[in-house]
Amino acid sequence: MTPAPRRPFCSDVSRADDEPLEATASIVDRWLLIEYRGLWAHDAVDRSTLSQEVKRAVVAWRNAAPRSRVLFVRRPERRGAPGLVVFRADTPEHGGALRCLELERHDDLVGIDLDRDGDELDHPLLLVCTHGKHDPCCARFGRPLYEALGEALDEDWVWQSSHLGGDRFAANLVALPTGLYFGRVEPSESWTVLDELLAGRIPLERYRGRSCHPFPVQAAERAVRETTGLAGVDDLELVTARTEEDGRWRVRFARRGSAAQWETLVERRHGPLTHLTCSSEALRHPRHYVAGSPPARVA
């Protein structure tokens, strides 16, 4: 009996369909990153060997505020290192914060103040999703990108991460504490992306959006940046975002520190039927958020 042909990788289909990257960043305000060197199951935290007490503490932190995410991180180079590290990040539009806690064991997560304990970091963190048990595309594309970034960055600046969201856009890269998401980043592009990020600019070609913004706002931000050429991370600030009677979103951004403002209308469209991940069984229409016309200057 001839075996059924293997389904194409979801990332290959997405690339072939030229699916847009913009307005696809996961919406997250608070991050808890736990170094975990064991195997990552499909549901990494829930299926881990962490004690039930630790899991309850982590879930309590996650449930204490909306738009919170818990991830596992690792660096293979630290496999035999003593102790472990935990990072806490807040990623608002401006004034993000990043802290690091050094612990002897995971059980030390119980009873500490995850929002206050730890030392502030004076450098960014870059997360590369390599969570192959969640989706093979993440390991297939994420690991080469992690290795390329590791050659270019100081030790402990780049970490492998569990599921960041958007498997079909692998390799996925997130910068903290800015909350910038990038997709389809090739190892050969790592130096260019790093140069822009370290200079405080956003390389738009691979930009998926910013985690502090809802999807329609992500689409509007991208459109304003493309129209104005304002690529600095802190060049823009959201003024208003509201829903119109026809279901579209009217979004206005201002140039930070200036009276200049731009407004655009964003609509939701459905992409062609596809498998959103390699493991999904049902075909679905991906949701795309698109600025219907170039942003108009209103001030």
Protein backbone atom coordinates (compact mmCIF):
# COMPACT_ATOMS: atom_id res chain seq x y z
CA MET A 1 0.00 0.00 0.00
CA THR A 2 1.42 3.33 -1.05
CA PRO A 3 1.67 5.75 1.89
CA ALA A 4 -0.22 9.00 1.64
CA PRO A 5 1.96 11.90 0.50
CA ARG A 6 3.22 14.13 3.28
CA ARG A 7 1.42 17.43 3.61
CA PRO A 8 3.60 20.46 2.81
CA PHE A 9 5.05 22.40 5.73
CA CYS A 10 2.73 25.22 6.78
CA SER A 11 5.55 27.76 6.43
CA ASP A 12 6.25 26.65 2.85
CA VAL A 13 2.59 27.08 1.95
CA SER A 14 2.47 30.50 3.57
CA ARG A 15 5.55 31.63 1.64
CA ALA A 16 4.21 30.22 -1.63
CA ASP A 17 0.91 32.04 -1.07
CA ASP A 18 2.85 35.23 -0.30
CA GLU A 19 0.82 35.59 2.89
CA PRO A 20 1.45 39.04 4.37
CA LEU A 21 3.45 39.28 7.58
CA GLU A 22 2.00 42.55 8.81
CA ALA A 23 -0.51 42.63 11.66
CA THR A 24 0.25 39.06 12.83
CA ALA A 25 2.16 39.69 16.08
CA SER A 26 0.76 38.00 19.20
CA ILE A 27 -0.81 40.50 21.62
CA VAL A 28 1.21 40.37 24.84
CA ASP A 29 1.95 42.98 27.53
CA ARG A 30 3.60 40.87 30.26
CA TRP A 31 6.16 38.12 29.73
CA LEU A 32 7.58 35.48 32.02
CA LEU A 33 10.49 33.52 30.53
CA ILE A 34 11.65 30.48 32.47
CA GLU A 35 14.87 28.70 31.63
CA TYR A 36 13.95 25.03 31.23
CA ARG A 37 16.49 22.53 29.90
CA GLY A 38 14.26 19.47 29.73
CA LEU A 39 12.23 18.38 26.72
CA TRP A 40 9.57 20.78 25.55
CA ALA A 41 6.27 19.01 24.90
CA HIS A 42 3.65 20.46 22.55
CA ASP A 43 2.17 22.28 25.54
CA ALA A 44 5.54 23.14 27.01
CA VAL A 45 4.67 24.47 30.48
CA ASP A 46 1.62 22.32 31.21
CA ARG A 47 3.35 19.08 30.17
CA SER A 48 6.69 19.86 31.80
CA THR A 49 8.18 18.22 34.88
CA LEU A 50 7.76 21.37 36.97
CA SER A 51 6.11 20.59 40.29
CA GLN A 52 2.40 21.24 40.65
CA GLU A 53 3.16 23.96 43.17
CA VAL A 54 5.39 25.76 40.67
CA LYS A 55 2.81 25.35 37.93
CA ARG A 56 0.13 26.84 40.18
CA ALA A 57 2.37 29.83 40.94
CA VAL A 58 3.09 30.38 37.26
CA VAL A 59 -0.59 30.09 36.29
CA ALA A 60 -1.55 32.50 39.08
CA TRP A 61 0.93 35.04 37.71
CA ARG A 62 -0.40 34.57 34.18
CA ASN A 63 -4.03 34.95 35.29
CA ALA A 64 -3.35 38.04 37.39
CA ALA A 65 -3.46 40.33 34.36
CA PRO A 66 -4.71 39.99 30.78
CA ARG A 67 -2.36 39.62 27.85
CA SER A 68 0.26 37.76 29.90
CA ARG A 69 2.39 34.96 28.47
CA VAL A 70 4.63 32.30 30.02
CA LEU A 71 7.37 30.80 27.86
CA PHE A 72 10.25 28.42 28.29
CA VAL A 73 13.67 29.58 27.09
CA ARG A 74 17.00 27.81 26.77
CA ARG A 75 20.53 28.10 25.46
CA PRO A 76 22.12 24.72 24.66
CA GLU A 77 25.46 26.18 25.72
CA ARG A 78 24.14 26.41 29.30
CA ARG A 79 23.05 22.78 29.58
CA GLY A 80 25.50 22.02 32.40
CA ALA A 81 25.54 25.45 34.03
CA PRO A 82 24.60 25.75 37.72
CA GLY A 83 21.29 27.38 38.60
CA LEU A 84 18.88 28.89 36.13
CA VAL A 85 17.54 32.28 35.08
CA VAL A 86 14.06 33.74 34.80
CA PHE A 87 13.23 36.90 32.87
CA ARG A 88 10.32 39.29 33.33
CA ALA A 89 9.43 41.76 30.60
CA ASP A 90 6.81 44.46 30.21
CA THR A 91 6.28 45.64 26.64
CA PRO A 92 4.13 48.80 26.48
CA GLU A 93 4.37 51.15 23.52
CA HIS A 94 7.02 53.18 25.33
CA GLY A 95 9.06 52.56 28.46
CA GLY A 96 9.41 48.78 28.34
CA ALA A 97 11.20 47.00 31.18
CA LEU A 98 13.25 43.82 31.44
CA ARG A 99 14.43 42.09 34.63
CA CYS A 100 16.44 38.93 35.35
CA LEU A 101 16.24 36.63 38.37
CA GLU A 102 18.88 34.03 39.12
CA LEU A 103 17.54 30.94 40.93
CA GLU A 104 19.03 27.68 42.11
CA ARG A 105 16.05 25.58 41.07
CA HIS A 106 12.55 25.92 39.67
CA ASP A 107 10.96 25.40 43.08
CA ASP A 108 12.33 28.83 44.03
CA LEU A 109 9.66 30.33 41.78
CA VAL A 110 7.18 29.69 44.60
CA GLY A 111 6.92 32.55 47.05
CA ILE A 112 8.89 35.19 45.16
CA ASP A 113 7.48 38.39 43.67
CA LEU A 114 7.83 37.85 39.94
CA ASP A 115 6.92 41.46 39.22
CA ARG A 116 9.42 43.09 41.59
CA ASP A 117 12.31 40.72 42.28
CA GLY A 118 15.38 40.56 40.07
CA ASP A 119 17.81 43.00 38.48
CA GLU A 120 17.14 45.27 35.53
CA LEU A 121 18.92 44.31 32.33
CA ASP A 122 20.79 46.96 30.39
CA HIS A 123 20.55 45.08 27.09
CA PRO A 124 17.72 43.65 24.98
CA LEU A 125 16.74 40.00 24.69
CA LEU A 126 16.09 38.32 21.37
CA LEU A 127 13.87 35.25 21.34
CA VAL A 128 13.88 32.75 18.48
CA CYS A 129 11.11 30.16 18.44
CA THR A 130 12.63 26.68 18.07
CA HIS A 131 9.67 24.75 19.52
CA GLY A 132 9.67 21.79 17.16
CA LYS A 133 7.19 19.71 19.19
CA HIS A 134 4.66 22.50 18.69
CA ASP A 135 5.39 22.85 14.98
CA PRO A 136 8.30 21.38 12.98
CA CYS A 137 8.67 24.63 11.04
CA CYS A 138 9.84 26.37 14.20
CA ALA A 139 12.77 23.99 14.65
CA ARG A 140 13.47 23.74 10.92
CA PHE A 141 13.91 27.49 10.48
CA GLY A 142 14.42 28.69 14.05
CA ARG A 143 17.55 26.77 14.97
CA PRO A 144 19.68 28.06 12.07
CA LEU A 145 18.57 31.60 12.89
CA TYR A 146 19.44 31.13 16.57
CA GLU A 147 22.92 29.94 15.62
CA ALA A 148 23.47 32.89 13.28
CA LEU A 149 22.35 35.40 15.92
CA GLY A 150 24.48 33.69 18.55
CA GLU A 151 27.58 34.31 16.46
CA ALA A 152 26.77 38.00 16.24
CA LEU A 153 25.56 38.81 19.76
CA ASP A 154 27.02 38.87 23.23
CA GLU A 155 26.40 35.83 25.41
CA ASP A 156 22.89 35.64 26.89
CA TRP A 157 21.40 38.18 24.49
CA VAL A 158 19.66 35.56 22.34
CA TRP A 159 17.60 32.59 23.58
CA GLN A 160 15.64 29.77 22.07
CA SER A 161 11.98 30.06 22.98
CA SER A 162 8.88 27.92 23.14
CA HIS A 163 5.82 28.85 21.06
CA LEU A 164 5.76 32.56 20.17
CA GLY A 165 2.79 32.40 17.82
CA GLY A 166 2.53 32.29 14.03
CA ASP A 167 4.26 28.98 13.29
CA ARG A 168 3.75 29.40 9.56
CA PHE A 169 5.87 32.56 9.62
CA ALA A 170 8.99 30.75 10.89
CA ALA A 171 11.66 31.67 11.61
CA ASN A 172 10.07 33.92 14.20
CA LEU A 173 12.04 36.47 16.17
CA VAL A 174 10.87 38.69 19.06
CA ALA A 175 12.82 41.58 20.56
CA LEU A 176 12.25 42.49 24.22
CA PRO A 177 11.40 44.82 25.87
CA THR A 178 10.11 46.54 22.72
CA GLY A 179 7.80 43.62 21.88
CA LEU A 180 8.70 43.71 18.18
CA TYR A 181 7.80 40.59 16.17
CA PHE A 182 9.54 39.50 12.98
CA GLY A 183 8.87 36.56 10.68
CA ARG A 184 10.58 34.59 7.91
CA VAL A 185 13.94 35.86 9.11
CA GLU A 186 16.73 34.05 7.28
CA PRO A 187 20.13 33.43 8.92
CA SER A 188 21.74 35.43 6.11
CA GLU A 189 19.62 38.43 7.13
CA SER A 190 20.51 38.29 10.82
CA TRP A 191 23.25 40.93 10.64
CA THR A 192 21.00 43.40 8.80
CA VAL A 193 18.13 42.89 11.24
CA LEU A 194 20.47 43.24 14.23
CA ASP A 195 22.06 46.42 12.90
CA GLU A 196 18.65 48.03 12.57
CA LEU A 197 17.37 46.87 15.94
CA LEU A 198 20.49 47.94 17.82
CA ALA A 199 20.22 51.34 16.13
CA GLY A 200 16.65 51.66 17.41
CA ARG A 201 15.03 51.16 14.01
CA ILE A 202 12.48 48.62 12.72
CA PRO A 203 13.40 46.62 9.59
CA LEU A 204 9.97 46.64 7.98
CA GLU A 205 10.56 43.89 5.41
CA ARG A 206 10.28 41.16 8.08
CA TYR A 207 8.14 43.10 10.56
CA ARG A 208 5.02 41.34 11.86
CA GLY A 209 3.94 44.00 14.33
CA ARG A 210 4.23 45.06 17.92
CA SER A 211 2.85 42.97 20.78
CA CYS A 212 1.30 45.95 22.60
CA HIS A 213 -1.07 46.71 19.71
CA PRO A 214 -4.23 44.87 18.58
CA PHE A 215 -4.12 43.55 15.02
CA PRO A 216 -5.89 46.53 13.34
CA VAL A 217 -3.50 48.93 15.08
CA GLN A 218 -0.53 46.84 13.95
CA ALA A 219 -1.73 47.17 10.36
CA ALA A 220 -2.14 50.94 10.72
CA GLU A 221 1.28 51.37 12.33
CA ARG A 222 2.91 49.49 9.46
CA ALA A 223 1.08 51.63 6.90
CA VAL A 224 2.07 54.90 8.59
CA ARG A 225 5.72 53.83 8.79
CA GLU A 226 5.77 52.85 5.12
CA THR A 227 4.15 56.15 4.09
CA THR A 228 6.27 58.44 6.23
CA GLY A 229 9.58 56.57 6.39
CA LEU A 230 9.53 56.84 10.19
CA ALA A 231 11.40 53.65 11.10
CA GLY A 232 12.53 54.53 14.64
CA VAL A 233 11.03 52.29 17.30
CA ASP A 234 9.86 55.32 19.31
CA ASP A 235 8.98 57.56 16.35
CA LEU A 236 5.23 56.90 16.61
CA GLU A 237 2.61 56.81 19.35
CA LEU A 238 -0.99 55.67 19.12
CA VAL A 239 -3.57 58.47 19.43
CA THR A 240 -6.92 56.74 18.86
CA ALA A 241 -8.34 53.48 17.53
CA ARG A 242 -12.07 53.03 17.16
CA THR A 243 -14.50 50.83 15.25
CA GLU A 244 -16.66 52.37 12.53
CA GLU A 245 -20.26 51.40 11.80
CA ASP A 246 -19.16 49.41 8.76
CA GLY A 247 -16.83 47.28 10.89
CA ARG A 248 -13.60 48.92 9.83
CA TRP A 249 -11.17 50.45 12.31
CA ARG A 250 -10.15 54.10 12.19
CA VAL A 251 -6.65 54.41 13.63
CA ARG A 252 -4.60 57.55 14.21
CA PHE A 253 -0.90 57.74 15.01
CA ALA A 254 1.19 60.77 15.90
CA ARG A 255 4.85 61.44 15.45
CA ARG A 256 6.17 61.40 18.98
CA GLY A 257 7.16 64.85 20.19
CA SER A 258 5.48 66.49 17.20
CA ALA A 259 2.02 67.74 16.19
CA ALA A 260 2.08 65.63 13.01
CA GLN A 261 -0.62 62.94 12.86
CA TRP A 262 -1.78 60.37 10.30
CA GLU A 263 -5.04 58.46 10.10
CA THR A 264 -6.05 55.36 8.18
CA LEU A 265 -8.92 52.90 7.91
CA VAL A 266 -8.19 49.21 8.46
CA GLU A 267 -10.39 46.34 7.35
CA ARG A 268 -10.32 42.62 8.02
CA ARG A 269 -10.05 40.27 5.08
CA HIS A 270 -9.90 36.50 4.80
CA GLY A 271 -6.99 34.77 3.13
CA PRO A 272 -7.31 31.54 1.11
CA LEU A 273 -8.13 28.33 2.95
CA THR A 274 -5.03 26.75 4.44
CA HIS A 275 -3.68 24.77 7.37
CA LEU A 276 -2.61 27.42 9.86
CA THR A 277 -0.08 25.03 11.44
CA CYS A 278 1.49 21.76 10.41
CA SER A 279 -0.61 19.88 12.97
CA SER A 280 -3.97 21.53 12.29
CA GLU A 281 -6.51 19.20 10.72
CA ALA A 282 -9.10 21.69 9.48
CA LEU A 283 -8.61 24.18 6.68
CA ARG A 284 -9.22 27.75 7.80
CA HIS A 285 -9.13 31.24 6.38
CA PRO A 286 -6.32 33.26 8.01
CA ARG A 287 -7.43 36.71 9.08
CA HIS A 288 -5.58 39.60 7.49
CA TYR A 289 -5.83 43.21 8.63
CA VAL A 290 -5.17 45.67 5.84
CA ALA A 291 -4.99 49.45 5.66
CA GLY A 292 -7.41 50.18 2.83
CA SER A 293 -5.67 53.33 1.62
CA PRO A 294 -2.45 55.21 2.37
CA PRO A 295 -2.63 57.05 5.71
CA ALA A 296 -3.75 60.65 5.38
CA ARG A 297 -2.04 63.40 7.31
CA VAL A 298 -4.63 65.05 9.55
CA ALA A 299 -2.49 67.43 11.60
